[in-house]
Protein backbone atom coordinates (compact mmCIF):
# COMPACT_ATOMS: atom_id res chain seq x y z
CA MET A 1 -173.81 208.76 -31.87
CA LYS A 2 -174.80 207.13 -34.91
CA VAL A 3 -172.66 204.69 -36.88
CA LEU A 4 -173.02 203.45 -40.56
CA VAL A 5 -172.48 199.84 -41.25
CA ALA A 6 -172.45 199.65 -45.05
CA TYR A 7 -171.65 196.49 -47.07
CA GLY A 8 -171.39 194.77 -50.45
CA THR A 9 -172.69 191.19 -50.68
CA LYS A 10 -173.60 188.71 -53.33
CA TYR A 11 -175.23 185.74 -51.51
CA GLY A 12 -175.93 187.47 -48.18
CA GLY A 13 -173.12 186.18 -46.00
CA THR A 14 -171.41 189.61 -45.63
CA ALA A 15 -174.74 191.15 -45.04
CA GLU A 16 -175.15 188.85 -42.02
CA ILE A 17 -171.77 190.05 -40.75
CA ALA A 18 -172.72 193.50 -41.16
CA GLU A 19 -175.98 192.81 -39.30
CA LYS A 20 -174.01 191.32 -36.52
CA ILE A 21 -171.76 194.28 -36.25
CA GLY A 22 -174.78 196.56 -36.15
CA GLN A 23 -176.46 194.59 -33.43
CA VAL A 24 -173.04 194.70 -31.36
CA LEU A 25 -172.75 198.50 -31.81
CA ARG A 26 -176.42 198.95 -30.81
CA ASP A 27 -176.01 196.62 -27.78
CA GLY A 28 -172.87 198.93 -26.91
CA GLY A 29 -175.20 201.82 -26.69
CA LEU A 30 -174.69 203.17 -30.22
CA THR A 31 -177.30 203.91 -32.94
CA ALA A 32 -176.38 201.80 -35.96
CA ASP A 33 -177.89 201.92 -39.38
CA VAL A 34 -176.92 198.69 -41.59
CA LEU A 35 -177.43 199.30 -45.24
CA PRO A 36 -176.16 197.84 -48.66
CA ALA A 37 -173.49 200.19 -49.83
CA GLU A 38 -175.57 201.08 -52.98
CA ARG A 39 -178.44 202.25 -50.72
CA VAL A 40 -176.53 204.76 -48.47
CA GLY A 41 -177.12 208.49 -49.00
CA ASP A 42 -175.62 211.27 -47.20
CA LEU A 43 -172.89 210.49 -44.63
CA ALA A 44 -173.29 213.73 -42.58
CA ALA A 45 -175.35 212.17 -39.93
CA TYR A 46 -172.78 209.54 -38.99
CA LYS A 47 -169.92 210.00 -36.51
CA ALA A 48 -168.18 206.80 -37.74
CA VAL A 49 -168.53 204.14 -40.59
CA VAL A 50 -167.85 200.48 -40.83
CA LEU A 51 -167.69 199.26 -44.55
CA GLY A 52 -167.43 195.70 -45.61
CA SER A 53 -167.51 193.66 -48.60
CA ALA A 54 -167.46 190.06 -49.82
CA VAL A 55 -164.17 189.26 -51.44
CA TYR A 56 -164.36 187.45 -54.91
CA VAL A 57 -160.98 186.70 -56.79
CA GLY A 58 -159.05 189.23 -54.63
CA ALA A 59 -161.66 192.09 -55.36
CA TRP A 60 -164.33 193.68 -53.39
CA ARG A 61 -167.98 193.69 -54.58
CA LYS A 62 -168.38 196.69 -57.04
CA GLU A 63 -170.99 198.53 -54.76
CA ALA A 64 -168.59 198.53 -51.66
CA ALA A 65 -165.61 199.64 -53.90
CA ASN A 66 -167.59 202.34 -55.46
CA PHE A 67 -168.84 203.65 -52.07
CA LEU A 68 -165.38 203.82 -50.65
CA LYS A 69 -164.13 205.58 -53.75
CA ALA A 70 -167.04 208.00 -54.18
CA ASN A 71 -167.09 208.84 -50.31
CA ALA A 72 -163.31 208.91 -49.77
CA ASP A 73 -163.31 212.73 -48.82
CA ALA A 74 -166.32 212.56 -46.59
CA LEU A 75 -164.60 209.28 -44.80
CA ALA A 76 -161.56 210.92 -44.34
CA GLY A 77 -163.19 213.22 -41.79
CA LYS A 78 -164.78 210.36 -39.92
CA MET A 79 -163.72 207.23 -37.76
CA VAL A 80 -163.66 204.31 -40.31
CA TRP A 81 -163.25 200.64 -40.10
CA LEU A 82 -162.95 198.23 -42.89
CA PHE A 83 -163.54 194.42 -43.28
CA SER A 84 -163.44 191.87 -45.83
CA SER A 85 -165.25 188.53 -45.79
CA GLY A 86 -164.13 185.78 -47.88
CA PRO A 87 -161.75 183.06 -47.17
CA THR A 88 -163.10 179.63 -46.26
CA GLY A 89 -161.35 176.90 -44.47
CA GLU A 90 -159.42 176.51 -41.00
CA GLY A 91 -156.83 178.75 -39.93
CA ASP A 92 -156.46 182.56 -39.60
CA ALA A 93 -158.07 184.58 -42.42
CA GLU A 94 -155.12 186.76 -42.85
CA GLU A 95 -152.66 184.04 -43.05
CA LEU A 96 -154.87 181.99 -45.64
CA LEU A 97 -154.85 185.31 -47.74
CA LYS A 98 -150.89 185.75 -47.21
CA ASP A 99 -151.56 188.87 -45.30
CA TRP A 100 -153.86 190.40 -47.90
CA ARG A 101 -156.37 192.78 -46.24
CA LEU A 102 -157.58 194.88 -48.95
CA PRO A 103 -157.58 194.80 -52.89
CA LYS A 104 -154.51 196.67 -54.05
CA ALA A 105 -156.76 199.10 -56.14
CA LEU A 106 -158.33 200.32 -53.13
CA LEU A 107 -155.15 200.72 -50.81
CA PRO A 108 -154.35 204.39 -52.16
CA ILE A 109 -158.02 205.46 -51.19
CA ALA A 110 -157.67 203.52 -47.76
CA GLU A 111 -154.41 205.62 -47.29
CA ARG A 112 -156.44 208.80 -47.71
CA VAL A 113 -159.28 207.60 -45.44
CA GLN A 114 -156.95 206.31 -42.69
CA PRO A 115 -159.12 203.51 -41.31
CA ARG A 116 -158.71 202.57 -37.69
CA ASP A 117 -158.46 198.99 -38.52
CA ILE A 118 -158.72 196.72 -41.63
CA ALA A 119 -160.03 193.20 -40.55
CA VAL A 120 -160.42 190.11 -42.79
CA PHE A 121 -163.21 187.62 -41.66
CA HIS A 122 -163.86 184.18 -42.88
CA GLY A 123 -166.65 183.79 -45.12
CA VAL A 124 -169.45 181.34 -46.14
CA VAL A 125 -169.74 179.37 -49.34
CA ASP A 126 -173.34 177.65 -50.21
CA GLY A 127 -172.62 175.47 -53.14
CA ASP A 128 -176.35 175.50 -53.70
CA LYS A 129 -176.40 179.11 -54.34
CA LEU A 130 -173.39 179.28 -56.57
CA THR A 131 -173.49 179.24 -60.42
CA ARG A 132 -171.83 176.42 -62.35
CA ILE A 133 -168.89 178.70 -63.15
CA GLU A 134 -168.55 179.63 -59.53
CA ARG A 135 -168.67 176.06 -58.49
CA TRP A 136 -165.88 175.15 -60.85
CA MET A 137 -163.73 178.06 -59.63
CA ILE A 138 -164.19 177.03 -56.10
CA LYS A 139 -163.21 173.60 -56.88
CA ASN A 140 -160.06 174.65 -59.01
CA VAL A 141 -158.79 176.81 -55.98
CA LYS A 142 -159.69 173.91 -53.40
CA ALA A 143 -161.74 176.44 -51.49
CA PRO A 144 -163.99 174.27 -48.93
CA ALA A 145 -167.54 174.95 -49.04
CA GLY A 146 -169.37 175.55 -45.73
CA ASP A 147 -169.86 178.61 -43.21
CA PHE A 148 -166.47 179.40 -41.64
CA ARG A 149 -167.41 182.81 -40.07
CA ASP A 150 -166.11 183.12 -36.58
CA TRP A 151 -169.02 184.82 -34.94
CA ASP A 152 -166.92 185.41 -31.64
CA GLY A 153 -164.12 187.05 -33.45
CA ILE A 154 -166.71 189.28 -35.44
CA THR A 155 -168.46 190.21 -32.14
CA ALA A 156 -165.09 191.02 -30.40
CA TRP A 157 -164.01 193.08 -33.21
CA ALA A 158 -167.30 195.16 -33.37
CA THR A 159 -167.11 195.55 -29.48
CA ALA A 160 -163.74 197.08 -29.91
CA VAL A 161 -165.37 199.44 -32.68
CA ALA A 162 -168.01 200.35 -30.29
CA ASP A 163 -165.71 201.21 -27.51
CA VAL A 164 -163.59 203.65 -29.76
CA VAL A 165 -166.79 205.30 -30.95
CA ARG A 166 -168.18 205.81 -27.42
CA GLU A 167 -164.90 207.17 -26.13
CA GLY A 168 -164.98 209.65 -28.98
CA GLY A 169 -162.14 208.14 -31.10
CA ASP A 170 -159.61 208.34 -28.43
CA THR A 171 -157.95 205.06 -27.91
CA GLY A 172 -155.46 206.22 -25.30
CA GLN A 173 -152.68 205.13 -27.47
CA GLU A 174 -150.13 207.45 -29.29
């Protein structure tokens, strides 16, 4: 059972989340390829797809959004999970984003794809990697810098994904 973990990232924080998800899937007995979204080819070999993106000003990275749009029909026939990485600070990521889970422009596509779950994970902001404009934006929205990723939460989510894929998609719930 082969799973694709595709992602869009700018500074690598979301790539590290994708790598962790891939590791958990492999530890769970699955074969997992972890690739930047723009490097993914044919999806035919994959039983399931996990797609994630860093979030900037409420939008997904272009490469992840384009992947979702371009592959919507193929994804609609597979088990799919989506995740966003972005908010920094303490507290529940979805609460910090006021229950935002996906960019509004991607909601109709997600509706067509019917993902099993859409998760929002805390992100990481390394001030040393940011441009001057990005530092100014972070300061103005009062977003704290640092690594706020919840690795235990990411691992638990990925473990649940692995369980569903191994069971063939049947969660036993109606």
